[in-house]
Amino acid sequence: MSTVSSASPRRYLALWFPFLPADRQRRTSPPSPAQAEAPLVLVEKVSSALRLAAVDRQGFLLGLTPGLTLADARARIPHLVAVDMDRAADAALLARLADWCDRYTPLVAVEEPDGLVLDITGCVHLFAGEAGLRRTVMQGLARGGLTVRGSVAGTPQAAAALARFGRKALGRHDIVPPGEEEMAVRPLPAAALGVSPEVLLALTRAGLKTVGDLAERPRAPLATRFGADLPVRLARILGQEDIGISPRRPLPPCLVERRFAEPVAREEDIDAALAGLAHRAGRILAERGEGGRRFEAAFFRADGRVTRLAVATGRPARDAAVVMRLFRERLAALADPLDPGFGFDLLRLAVTACEPLGESQVSLDGRMVEDEEVAALVDRLGARFGGAAVLRPAFVDTHIPERAVRMVPAALDDDGTAPPCGWPVERPADPPARPVHLFDPPQPIEALAEVPDGPPLRFRWRRVLHEIARAEGPERIAPEWWRDEAGEEPTRDYYRVEDARGRRFWVFRQGLFGEAPAPRWFLHGIFA
């Protein structure tokens, strides 16, 4: 990833949830009236002792900190409420919060275990500036019962440090103007760098207690004494280096959305809004000369829940009618119908995979029309039954006949790529080298052949004797060395043979004369 200077126009909003586990517990299991005023702590077993893993705001103000044993905490505050720590539930809540923040910017990164970073570059004009966007996000999270702190700066590290360690007594900046990150973070403690406890202890013993103390020191001695990672972290928190964020979802090539002044819940309104987005996306793709292979619709509910539905096409498409037909099939096939709750306040359509698509002319023989109809059928079946339910054969580059074909999804994979399916091209005048259909497993036959490498003179299959009139071969196929470590797969010699009545077979001898076990003959396929 390229590095940009502090003059870069990119801006980031960092969110920190200092009491996320306790807030989640109170959201999912509201306390009784008797427990409402008591501090809440979350505990987990560490070295055969129950220790505090997280506390709520009230417990923090009373001096309870993570790491304290539960017995010591009860000795200080007998009436506290203790519950088990559930880190998986906390991670799931953080992921849902990231989905909720996706309505403000498509670039959201999770900073486990209790933070988010949003790349808000180019999004603030929709909310009357950075202050309006920050205020809207903070108010929405507060309504959900969450304690949150947020800061805006020119690098993710500077914004996260100010959100976590900024205090009004230290000149805390909620919104740092571009280029002023260094002045804003200098009063912060050295812990804001995110270094290991060992390095932090060494910095404290050396008298380097704040970011400003480190900023005044030459970088080379710092790297020599405390490791090469420290100057890098220092440059990023000071706003001198911006490496961006790694968003949960990559930015799609095409993205359109519609916001509603009032949430919509009627099925007809939702369908009409989605159709409008499909038309807008189609026009954008047409201007680029592209078509979409994978489309994803995101439905943002007013209560924060996000539902995502994806459809894929067998070939590039930008016709809104085609896209909407697939989404309607997808919605009709849902086990749980789309629940609008109190309504959707935002709909977003993303084209996550695109390919070139030019204007085409229908051929005179109608082949293109047939191909389009087959592709449309595959798309509809995939939308209704899932992409894994509609398969097609794909070529595998191997000489072993039964391994030369595998079944793959007819549309796109989950990562938005199409599985390779190229088949070897044969000249039209050449006879087929292998039958289209093979016996699985190969059928055993009784054969009479010349020793050691001659073709069969006659063979008996299913009690019928076939006299060979013509034969071609052998085609020797040795086992793949990376699969045949124990030498259990014998060598095969394949022959294309034709009997006296004109029927053509593909037979092989498994094993070689003079080796154990004795060679055996099999029929692997019949030429049509």
Protein backbone atom coordinates (compact mmCIF):
# COMPACT_ATOMS: atom_id res chain seq x y z
CA MET A 1 0.00 0.00 0.00
CA SER A 2 1.42 3.38 -0.95
CA THR A 3 2.24 5.97 1.69
CA VAL A 4 0.90 9.50 1.49
CA SER A 5 2.11 12.61 3.24
CA SER A 6 0.34 14.58 5.96
CA ALA A 7 -0.95 16.95 3.28
CA SER A 8 -3.12 14.15 1.94
CA PRO A 9 -6.83 15.03 1.84
CA ARG A 10 -7.82 11.72 3.41
CA ARG A 11 -9.70 12.00 6.70
CA TYR A 12 -10.55 9.36 9.28
CA LEU A 13 -13.08 9.08 12.10
CA ALA A 14 -11.98 6.76 14.91
CA LEU A 15 -14.56 5.39 17.36
CA TRP A 16 -13.68 3.83 20.70
CA PHE A 17 -16.14 1.94 22.91
CA PRO A 18 -14.48 1.94 26.36
CA PHE A 19 -17.23 -0.10 28.04
CA LEU A 20 -18.32 -2.29 25.13
CA PRO A 21 -18.71 -5.62 27.07
CA ALA A 22 -20.70 -3.97 29.86
CA ASP A 23 -22.85 -2.01 27.40
CA ARG A 24 -23.57 -5.21 25.48
CA GLN A 25 -24.57 -7.02 28.67
CA ARG A 26 -26.97 -4.25 29.68
CA ARG A 27 -28.46 -4.18 26.15
CA THR A 28 -29.09 -7.93 26.00
CA SER A 29 -29.93 -8.54 29.69
CA PRO A 30 -31.29 -5.38 31.30
CA PRO A 31 -30.58 -5.33 35.06
CA SER A 32 -33.33 -5.60 37.65
CA PRO A 33 -34.29 -2.45 39.60
CA ALA A 34 -32.20 -3.67 42.53
CA GLN A 35 -29.15 -4.10 40.32
CA ALA A 36 -29.54 -0.94 38.25
CA GLU A 37 -27.40 1.16 40.60
CA ALA A 38 -24.75 -1.55 41.23
CA PRO A 39 -21.47 -1.64 39.28
CA LEU A 40 -21.31 -4.31 36.57
CA VAL A 41 -18.13 -6.30 36.03
CA LEU A 42 -17.38 -9.10 33.58
CA VAL A 43 -15.06 -11.84 34.79
CA GLU A 44 -13.10 -14.73 33.30
CA LYS A 45 -10.84 -17.38 34.81
CA VAL A 46 -7.11 -16.61 34.66
CA SER A 47 -4.64 -18.98 36.35
CA SER A 48 -7.37 -20.66 38.41
CA ALA A 49 -8.68 -17.32 39.68
CA LEU A 50 -11.64 -15.21 38.58
CA ARG A 51 -10.38 -11.83 37.45
CA LEU A 52 -12.11 -8.77 36.08
CA ALA A 53 -11.92 -8.66 32.27
CA ALA A 54 -14.09 -5.53 31.81
CA VAL A 55 -16.03 -3.06 33.94
CA ASP A 56 -18.78 -0.52 33.33
CA ARG A 57 -18.50 3.23 33.76
CA GLN A 58 -19.68 3.16 37.37
CA GLY A 59 -17.18 0.47 38.34
CA PHE A 60 -14.38 2.38 36.61
CA LEU A 61 -15.21 5.55 38.55
CA LEU A 62 -15.14 3.51 41.77
CA GLY A 63 -11.59 2.32 41.02
CA LEU A 64 -12.25 -1.13 39.55
CA THR A 65 -9.89 -2.04 36.72
CA PRO A 66 -9.41 -5.11 34.51
CA GLY A 67 -6.99 -7.62 36.01
CA LEU A 68 -8.25 -7.24 39.57
CA THR A 69 -9.41 -10.47 41.19
CA LEU A 70 -13.13 -10.80 41.81
CA ALA A 71 -12.50 -11.41 45.51
CA ASP A 72 -10.63 -8.10 45.86
CA ALA A 73 -13.33 -6.29 43.89
CA ARG A 74 -16.07 -7.65 46.16
CA ALA A 75 -14.03 -6.67 49.20
CA ARG A 76 -14.11 -3.08 47.93
CA ILE A 77 -17.68 -3.05 46.58
CA PRO A 78 -19.77 -5.90 48.05
CA HIS A 79 -22.93 -5.13 46.05
CA LEU A 80 -21.34 -5.32 42.55
CA VAL A 81 -22.86 -7.55 39.85
CA ALA A 82 -20.54 -10.05 38.15
CA VAL A 83 -21.26 -11.93 34.92
CA ASP A 84 -19.12 -14.11 32.67
CA MET A 85 -17.12 -12.46 29.91
CA ASP A 86 -18.23 -13.40 26.40
CA ARG A 87 -15.60 -12.23 23.92
CA ALA A 88 -17.34 -13.87 20.95
CA ALA A 89 -20.50 -11.88 21.66
CA ASP A 90 -18.45 -8.69 21.97
CA ALA A 91 -16.80 -9.35 18.60
CA ALA A 92 -20.21 -10.01 17.03
CA LEU A 93 -21.55 -6.72 18.41
CA LEU A 94 -18.52 -4.86 17.07
CA ALA A 95 -19.14 -6.40 13.64
CA ARG A 96 -22.79 -5.28 13.75
CA LEU A 97 -21.67 -1.77 14.68
CA ALA A 98 -19.30 -1.81 11.71
CA ASP A 99 -22.22 -2.79 9.47
CA TRP A 100 -24.24 0.08 10.93
CA CYS A 101 -21.40 2.55 10.26
CA ASP A 102 -21.35 1.35 6.64
CA ARG A 103 -24.25 3.72 6.01
CA TYR A 104 -21.89 6.68 6.44
CA THR A 105 -18.94 5.38 4.41
CA PRO A 106 -18.23 2.09 2.61
CA LEU A 107 -14.70 2.03 4.10
CA VAL A 108 -14.92 0.76 7.69
CA ALA A 109 -12.13 -1.07 9.53
CA VAL A 110 -12.46 -3.00 12.79
CA GLU A 111 -9.85 -2.32 15.47
CA GLU A 112 -10.34 -5.22 17.86
CA PRO A 113 -11.41 -5.55 20.54
CA ASP A 114 -13.30 -2.27 20.98
CA GLY A 115 -12.72 0.19 18.14
CA LEU A 116 -13.69 1.19 14.61
CA VAL A 117 -12.01 3.46 12.06
CA LEU A 118 -14.00 5.05 9.23
CA ASP A 119 -12.44 6.59 6.14
CA ILE A 120 -14.78 9.56 5.70
CA THR A 121 -12.97 11.13 2.75
CA GLY A 122 -15.53 12.55 0.34
CA CYS A 123 -18.52 11.69 2.56
CA VAL A 124 -18.77 14.67 4.91
CA HIS A 125 -20.66 16.94 2.49
CA LEU A 126 -23.73 14.75 3.02
CA PHE A 127 -23.75 15.68 6.72
CA ALA A 128 -22.81 19.36 6.60
CA GLY A 129 -19.14 18.75 7.30
CA GLU A 130 -16.96 16.65 9.58
CA ALA A 131 -18.56 17.99 12.75
CA GLY A 132 -22.03 17.10 11.50
CA LEU A 133 -20.95 13.57 10.50
CA ARG A 134 -19.23 12.95 13.84
CA ARG A 135 -22.21 14.28 15.76
CA THR A 136 -24.65 12.13 13.77
CA VAL A 137 -22.61 8.96 14.33
CA MET A 138 -22.08 9.63 18.03
CA GLN A 139 -25.75 10.40 18.65
CA GLY A 140 -26.88 7.29 16.84
CA LEU A 141 -24.57 5.07 18.89
CA ALA A 142 -25.57 6.78 22.13
CA ARG A 143 -29.24 6.09 21.37
CA GLY A 144 -28.30 2.43 21.18
CA GLY A 145 -27.04 2.50 24.78
CA LEU A 146 -23.33 2.59 23.91
CA THR A 147 -20.61 4.72 25.42
CA VAL A 148 -18.42 5.99 22.61
CA ARG A 149 -15.66 8.50 21.98
CA GLY A 150 -14.76 9.74 18.51
CA SER A 151 -12.07 11.87 16.91
CA VAL A 152 -11.30 12.97 13.37
CA ALA A 153 -7.74 13.30 12.07
CA GLY A 154 -5.62 12.89 8.96
CA THR A 155 -4.26 9.40 9.82
CA PRO A 156 -6.03 6.41 11.39
CA GLN A 157 -3.42 6.16 14.15
CA ALA A 158 -3.74 9.80 15.16
CA ALA A 159 -7.54 9.63 15.21
CA ALA A 160 -7.55 6.38 17.24
CA ALA A 161 -5.02 7.74 19.73
CA LEU A 162 -7.04 10.92 20.31
CA ALA A 163 -10.25 8.91 20.73
CA ARG A 164 -8.69 6.56 23.28
CA PHE A 165 -6.30 8.81 25.20
CA GLY A 166 -7.46 12.35 24.54
CA ARG A 167 -8.69 14.31 27.55
CA LYS A 168 -9.96 17.84 27.78
CA ALA A 169 -7.32 18.52 30.42
CA LEU A 170 -4.68 17.64 27.83
CA GLY A 171 -6.19 19.80 25.13
CA ARG A 172 -8.24 17.01 23.53
CA HIS A 173 -9.15 17.57 19.89
CA ASP A 174 -12.33 15.95 18.61
CA ILE A 175 -11.63 17.22 15.09
CA VAL A 176 -8.01 17.92 14.15
CA PRO A 177 -7.53 20.25 11.17
CA PRO A 178 -5.38 18.82 8.37
CA GLY A 179 -1.68 19.06 9.14
CA GLU A 180 -2.12 19.72 12.88
CA GLU A 181 -1.96 16.10 14.07
CA GLU A 182 1.45 16.50 15.70
CA MET A 183 0.32 19.40 17.88
CA ALA A 184 -2.80 17.51 18.91
CA VAL A 185 -1.12 14.23 19.91
CA ARG A 186 2.01 15.57 21.63
CA PRO A 187 0.34 15.70 25.11
CA LEU A 188 -0.88 12.09 24.84
CA PRO A 189 0.84 9.39 26.94
CA ALA A 190 3.33 7.05 25.30
CA ALA A 191 0.77 4.24 25.63
CA ALA A 192 -1.10 5.87 22.73
CA LEU A 193 1.54 4.43 20.40
CA GLY A 194 0.18 0.93 20.98
CA VAL A 195 3.57 -0.59 21.81
CA SER A 196 4.04 -3.73 23.91
CA PRO A 197 4.05 -3.47 27.73
CA GLU A 198 7.77 -4.22 27.79
CA VAL A 199 8.60 -1.33 25.43
CA LEU A 200 6.22 0.97 27.30
CA LEU A 201 7.95 0.16 30.59
CA ALA A 202 11.34 0.84 29.04
CA LEU A 203 10.11 4.19 27.68
CA THR A 204 8.78 5.19 31.09
CA ARG A 205 12.05 4.31 32.80
CA ALA A 206 13.89 6.39 30.22
CA GLY A 207 11.70 9.40 31.05
CA LEU A 208 9.86 9.33 27.70
CA LYS A 209 6.32 9.52 29.05
CA THR A 210 4.48 11.38 26.29
CA VAL A 211 4.34 11.37 22.52
CA GLY A 212 5.89 14.82 22.58
CA ASP A 213 8.92 13.50 24.49
CA LEU A 214 9.48 10.94 21.75
CA ALA A 215 8.85 13.40 18.92
CA GLU A 216 11.79 15.50 20.10
CA ARG A 217 14.24 12.59 19.99
CA PRO A 218 16.17 11.48 16.88
CA ARG A 219 14.56 8.45 15.25
CA ALA A 220 17.73 6.36 14.75
CA PRO A 221 18.58 6.06 18.48
CA LEU A 222 14.94 5.25 19.25
CA ALA A 223 14.99 2.42 16.70
CA THR A 224 18.27 1.09 18.07
CA ARG A 225 17.11 1.05 21.69
CA PHE A 226 13.41 0.27 21.45
CA GLY A 227 13.04 -1.51 18.10
CA ALA A 228 12.47 -0.47 14.50
CA ASP A 229 8.69 -0.51 14.97
CA LEU A 230 8.67 2.47 17.35
CA PRO A 231 9.72 5.19 14.84
CA VAL A 232 7.16 3.86 12.37
CA ARG A 233 4.35 4.09 14.92
CA LEU A 234 5.54 7.54 15.95
CA ALA A 235 5.49 8.84 12.35
CA ARG A 236 1.94 7.58 11.84
CA ILE A 237 0.54 8.98 15.07
CA LEU A 238 2.18 12.36 14.36
CA GLY A 239 0.46 12.48 10.97
CA GLN A 240 3.68 12.23 8.99
CA GLU A 241 2.78 8.92 7.32
CA ASP A 242 -0.61 7.59 6.25
CA ILE A 243 -0.98 3.96 5.15
CA GLY A 244 -4.78 4.07 5.15
CA ILE A 245 -7.00 1.34 6.58
CA SER A 246 -7.87 -2.22 5.61
CA PRO A 247 -11.66 -2.07 5.27
CA ARG A 248 -13.87 -5.02 6.11
CA ARG A 249 -15.34 -4.85 2.61
CA PRO A 250 -13.33 -3.76 -0.43
CA LEU A 251 -14.64 -0.73 -2.24
CA PRO A 252 -16.77 -1.99 -5.17
CA PRO A 253 -16.16 -0.74 -8.72
CA CYS A 254 -19.69 0.69 -8.85
CA LEU A 255 -21.81 1.84 -5.91
CA VAL A 256 -25.16 3.64 -5.88
CA GLU A 257 -27.46 4.34 -2.95
CA ARG A 258 -30.67 6.08 -1.99
CA ARG A 259 -31.45 7.67 1.36
CA PHE A 260 -35.00 8.24 2.56
CA ALA A 261 -36.22 11.18 4.59
CA GLU A 262 -38.62 8.77 6.29
CA PRO A 263 -38.06 4.99 6.56
CA VAL A 264 -39.94 2.91 3.98
CA ALA A 265 -41.50 -0.45 4.79
CA ARG A 266 -43.93 -1.23 1.95
CA GLU A 267 -42.72 -3.96 -0.40
CA GLU A 268 -43.73 -1.93 -3.46
CA ASP A 269 -41.68 1.07 -2.36
CA ILE A 270 -38.64 -1.06 -1.64
CA ASP A 271 -38.90 -2.77 -5.03
CA ALA A 272 -39.26 0.56 -6.84
CA ALA A 273 -36.26 2.04 -5.01
CA LEU A 274 -34.11 -0.97 -5.80
CA ALA A 275 -35.16 -0.84 -9.45
CA GLY A 276 -34.17 2.82 -9.58
CA LEU A 277 -30.74 1.94 -8.22
CA ALA A 278 -30.38 -0.82 -10.81
CA HIS A 279 -31.12 1.69 -13.59
CA ARG A 280 -28.54 4.13 -12.19
CA ALA A 281 -25.91 1.40 -11.91
CA GLY A 282 -26.70 0.27 -15.47
CA ARG A 283 -26.11 3.76 -16.83
CA ILE A 284 -22.77 4.03 -15.03
CA LEU A 285 -21.67 0.63 -16.35
CA ALA A 286 -22.78 1.56 -19.88
CA GLU A 287 -20.63 4.70 -19.78
CA ARG A 288 -17.64 2.56 -18.79
CA GLY A 289 -18.37 -0.13 -21.38
CA GLU A 290 -18.72 -2.73 -18.63
CA GLY A 291 -21.24 -5.18 -17.27
CA GLY A 292 -21.72 -6.55 -13.78
CA ARG A 293 -21.14 -10.16 -12.85
CA ARG A 294 -22.03 -9.86 -9.16
CA PHE A 295 -24.53 -7.48 -7.55
CA GLU A 296 -25.09 -6.92 -3.83
CA ALA A 297 -28.05 -5.05 -2.34
CA ALA A 298 -27.79 -3.75 1.23
CA PHE A 299 -30.92 -2.85 3.21
CA PHE A 300 -30.23 -0.58 6.19
CA ARG A 301 -32.98 -0.68 8.78
CA ALA A 302 -33.77 2.31 10.98
CA ASP A 303 -32.85 0.29 14.09
CA GLY A 304 -29.33 -0.38 12.76
CA ARG A 305 -29.75 -3.89 11.35
CA VAL A 306 -28.28 -4.47 7.89
CA THR A 307 -29.40 -7.19 5.48
CA ARG A 308 -27.32 -8.00 2.42
CA LEU A 309 -28.42 -10.02 -0.60
CA ALA A 310 -26.15 -10.93 -3.51
CA VAL A 311 -26.86 -12.32 -6.96
CA ALA A 312 -24.45 -13.37 -9.68
CA THR A 313 -24.78 -13.63 -13.45
CA GLY A 314 -23.28 -16.12 -15.87
CA ARG A 315 -22.14 -13.32 -18.18
CA PRO A 316 -21.73 -9.53 -17.80
CA ALA A 317 -25.06 -7.71 -17.52
CA ARG A 318 -26.24 -4.14 -16.98
CA ASP A 319 -29.92 -4.39 -17.91
CA ALA A 320 -31.95 -3.28 -14.88
CA ALA A 321 -34.76 -5.69 -15.76
CA VAL A 322 -32.35 -8.64 -15.68
CA VAL A 323 -30.86 -7.56 -12.35
CA MET A 324 -34.26 -6.98 -10.76
CA ARG A 325 -35.54 -10.36 -11.95
CA LEU A 326 -32.62 -12.03 -10.16
CA PHE A 327 -33.18 -10.05 -6.96
CA ARG A 328 -36.89 -10.89 -6.98
CA GLU A 329 -36.02 -14.58 -7.36
CA ARG A 330 -33.53 -14.22 -4.51
CA LEU A 331 -36.06 -12.52 -2.25
CA ALA A 332 -38.72 -15.13 -3.05
CA ALA A 333 -36.32 -17.94 -2.11
CA LEU A 334 -35.40 -16.53 1.33
CA ALA A 335 -36.18 -18.86 4.22
CA ASP A 336 -36.92 -15.78 6.36
CA PRO A 337 -38.68 -13.03 4.41
CA LEU A 338 -37.03 -9.62 4.36
CA ASP A 339 -38.17 -7.92 7.57
CA PRO A 340 -38.27 -4.12 7.27
CA GLY A 341 -38.94 -3.66 10.99
CA PHE A 342 -39.59 0.06 11.46
CA GLY A 343 -38.53 0.61 7.87
CA PHE A 344 -35.38 1.04 5.77
CA ASP A 345 -33.77 4.47 5.73
CA LEU A 346 -31.04 3.58 3.23
CA LEU A 347 -30.79 1.21 0.24
CA ARG A 348 -27.47 0.55 -1.46
CA LEU A 349 -26.63 -1.41 -4.61
CA ALA A 350 -23.01 -2.39 -5.23
CA VAL A 351 -21.59 -4.02 -8.33
CA THR A 352 -18.76 -6.00 -6.76
CA ALA A 353 -17.48 -7.68 -9.95
CA CYS A 354 -17.35 -6.10 -13.40
CA GLU A 355 -16.15 -7.21 -16.84
CA PRO A 356 -15.95 -5.48 -20.22
CA LEU A 357 -19.23 -5.58 -22.12
CA GLY A 358 -19.57 -4.13 -25.59
CA GLU A 359 -22.58 -3.78 -27.84
CA SER A 360 -23.32 -7.07 -29.63
CA GLN A 361 -25.30 -7.96 -32.71
CA VAL A 362 -27.54 -11.02 -32.76
CA SER A 363 -26.17 -13.66 -35.12
CA LEU A 364 -28.26 -14.88 -38.05
CA ASP A 365 -28.30 -18.51 -36.88
CA GLY A 366 -29.83 -17.63 -33.50
CA ARG A 367 -26.98 -19.10 -31.48
CA MET A 368 -26.48 -15.90 -29.49
CA VAL A 369 -30.16 -15.79 -28.55
CA GLU A 370 -29.99 -19.39 -27.35
CA ASP A 371 -26.83 -18.69 -25.37
CA GLU A 372 -28.44 -15.68 -23.69
CA GLU A 373 -31.53 -17.71 -22.80
CA VAL A 374 -29.40 -20.44 -21.25
CA ALA A 375 -27.39 -17.86 -19.30
CA ALA A 376 -30.59 -16.23 -18.06
CA LEU A 377 -31.93 -19.61 -16.94
CA VAL A 378 -28.70 -20.35 -15.04
CA ASP A 379 -28.90 -16.93 -13.37
CA ARG A 380 -32.52 -17.45 -12.27
CA LEU A 381 -31.82 -20.92 -10.91
CA GLY A 382 -28.76 -19.65 -9.06
CA ALA A 383 -30.71 -16.77 -7.54
CA ARG A 384 -33.48 -19.06 -6.30
CA PHE A 385 -31.55 -22.14 -5.18
CA GLY A 386 -28.10 -20.69 -4.54
CA GLY A 387 -24.98 -20.63 -6.67
CA ALA A 388 -23.75 -23.98 -5.33
CA ALA A 389 -26.86 -25.74 -6.64
CA VAL A 390 -26.22 -24.89 -10.32
CA LEU A 391 -23.04 -26.52 -11.60
CA ARG A 392 -21.17 -26.90 -14.88
CA PRO A 393 -18.21 -29.06 -15.87
CA ALA A 394 -14.77 -27.45 -15.94
CA PHE A 395 -11.55 -28.80 -17.39
CA VAL A 396 -8.73 -29.85 -15.04
CA ASP A 397 -5.20 -29.94 -16.45
CA THR A 398 -4.33 -33.57 -15.75
CA HIS A 399 -3.71 -36.71 -17.80
CA ILE A 400 -5.74 -38.96 -15.47
CA PRO A 401 -9.09 -39.29 -17.29
CA GLU A 402 -11.39 -39.50 -14.26
CA ARG A 403 -9.76 -36.40 -12.77
CA ALA A 404 -9.83 -34.26 -15.92
CA VAL A 405 -13.27 -32.81 -15.15
CA ARG A 406 -14.71 -31.22 -12.03
CA MET A 407 -18.04 -29.57 -11.33
CA VAL A 408 -17.92 -25.86 -10.46
CA PRO A 409 -20.62 -23.22 -9.83
CA ALA A 410 -22.14 -21.99 -13.06
CA ALA A 411 -21.95 -18.37 -11.90
CA LEU A 412 -19.29 -16.58 -9.85
CA ASP A 413 -17.53 -17.85 -6.76
CA ASP A 414 -18.03 -16.17 -3.38
CA ASP A 415 -14.95 -14.02 -3.98
CA GLY A 416 -16.42 -12.67 -7.23
CA THR A 417 -14.21 -14.64 -9.62
CA ALA A 418 -15.27 -17.10 -12.28
CA PRO A 419 -13.79 -20.62 -12.04
CA PRO A 420 -11.62 -21.53 -15.04
CA CYS A 421 -13.36 -23.82 -17.52
CA GLY A 422 -11.24 -23.72 -20.68
CA TRP A 423 -11.25 -26.98 -22.63
CA PRO A 424 -8.44 -28.18 -24.90
CA VAL A 425 -9.16 -27.35 -28.53
CA GLU A 426 -9.03 -30.20 -31.05
CA ARG A 427 -9.01 -29.90 -34.82
CA PRO A 428 -12.42 -30.69 -36.34
CA ALA A 429 -10.95 -33.29 -38.71
CA ASP A 430 -9.36 -35.32 -35.89
CA PRO A 431 -11.33 -38.15 -34.27
CA PRO A 432 -12.06 -37.70 -30.56
CA ALA A 433 -9.15 -38.78 -28.40
CA ARG A 434 -11.41 -39.74 -25.48
CA PRO A 435 -15.08 -40.56 -25.07
CA VAL A 436 -17.38 -37.87 -23.73
CA HIS A 437 -18.79 -40.18 -21.04
CA LEU A 438 -16.64 -42.49 -18.94
CA PHE A 439 -17.56 -45.46 -16.79
CA ASP A 440 -17.12 -44.80 -13.08
CA PRO A 441 -15.55 -47.05 -12.06
CA PRO A 442 -14.03 -48.58 -15.22
CA GLN A 443 -15.67 -51.88 -16.24
CA PRO A 444 -13.45 -55.00 -15.95
CA ILE A 445 -13.14 -57.08 -19.15
CA GLU A 446 -11.48 -60.34 -20.22
CA ALA A 447 -9.02 -59.62 -23.04
CA LEU A 448 -6.64 -61.57 -25.26
CA ALA A 449 -3.66 -59.44 -26.36
CA GLU A 450 -0.12 -59.67 -27.65
CA VAL A 451 2.61 -59.65 -25.04
CA PRO A 452 4.01 -57.32 -23.81
CA ASP A 453 2.52 -54.15 -25.31
CA GLY A 454 0.14 -55.28 -28.01
CA PRO A 455 -3.48 -54.12 -28.33
CA PRO A 456 -6.30 -56.54 -27.46
CA LEU A 457 -7.25 -59.00 -30.22
CA ARG A 458 -10.61 -59.72 -28.64
CA PHE A 459 -12.30 -59.02 -25.32
CA ARG A 460 -15.41 -60.14 -23.46
CA TRP A 461 -17.59 -57.57 -21.75
CA ARG A 462 -20.87 -58.41 -20.06
CA ARG A 463 -20.83 -61.92 -21.59
CA VAL A 464 -20.51 -60.50 -25.13
CA LEU A 465 -17.37 -61.28 -27.16
CA HIS A 466 -15.97 -58.49 -29.34
CA GLU A 467 -13.52 -59.25 -32.13
CA ILE A 468 -11.17 -56.33 -32.72
CA ALA A 469 -10.83 -55.16 -36.31
CA ARG A 470 -8.76 -52.01 -35.76
CA ALA A 471 -6.74 -50.65 -32.86
CA GLU A 472 -4.78 -47.50 -32.11
CA GLY A 473 -2.36 -47.01 -29.25
CA PRO A 474 -1.01 -47.36 -26.73
CA GLU A 475 -1.34 -44.03 -24.89
CA ARG A 476 0.64 -44.59 -21.70
CA ILE A 477 -0.54 -42.66 -18.64
CA ALA A 478 1.63 -42.88 -15.56
CA PRO A 479 0.30 -42.02 -12.09
CA GLU A 480 0.84 -38.49 -10.78
CA TRP A 481 3.95 -38.60 -8.64
CA TRP A 482 2.58 -36.21 -6.01
CA ARG A 483 -0.45 -38.46 -5.47
CA ASP A 484 1.25 -41.86 -5.81
CA GLU A 485 3.65 -41.72 -2.89
CA ALA A 486 3.21 -45.41 -2.03
CA GLY A 487 3.23 -46.59 -5.67
CA GLU A 488 -0.30 -47.97 -5.39
CA GLU A 489 -1.52 -46.67 -8.78
CA PRO A 490 -0.21 -48.83 -11.66
CA THR A 491 0.66 -47.48 -15.07
CA ARG A 492 -2.11 -47.57 -17.70
CA ASP A 493 -1.87 -48.25 -21.45
CA TYR A 494 -4.96 -46.95 -23.30
CA TYR A 495 -6.16 -48.18 -26.74
CA ARG A 496 -8.88 -46.98 -29.07
CA VAL A 497 -10.32 -50.11 -30.62
CA GLU A 498 -13.08 -50.92 -33.10
CA ASP A 499 -14.79 -54.31 -33.29
CA ALA A 500 -16.00 -56.14 -36.39
CA ARG A 501 -19.45 -54.51 -36.16
CA GLY A 502 -18.02 -50.98 -36.12
CA ARG A 503 -18.47 -50.24 -32.43
CA ARG A 504 -15.61 -48.23 -30.91
CA PHE A 505 -14.31 -48.61 -27.34
CA TRP A 506 -11.69 -47.05 -25.09
CA VAL A 507 -9.90 -49.79 -23.15
CA PHE A 508 -6.76 -49.86 -21.04
CA ARG A 509 -4.39 -52.35 -19.50
CA GLN A 510 -3.57 -51.59 -15.89
CA GLY A 511 -0.08 -52.65 -14.88
CA LEU A 512 2.90 -53.96 -16.83
CA PHE A 513 3.93 -57.52 -17.72
CA GLY A 514 6.68 -58.81 -15.51
CA GLU A 515 5.52 -56.75 -12.52
CA ALA A 516 3.26 -57.68 -9.65
CA PRO A 517 0.33 -57.70 -9.58
CA ALA A 518 -0.50 -59.16 -12.98
CA PRO A 519 -1.93 -56.73 -15.57
CA ARG A 520 -5.72 -56.41 -15.85
CA TRP A 521 -7.91 -55.02 -18.62
CA PHE A 522 -10.74 -52.47 -18.24
CA LEU A 523 -13.24 -50.70 -20.46
CA HIS A 524 -13.28 -46.99 -19.60
CA GLY A 525 -15.66 -45.55 -22.19
CA ILE A 526 -17.56 -45.99 -25.45
CA PHE A 527 -17.25 -43.64 -28.41
CA ALA A 528 -20.65 -42.50 -29.62
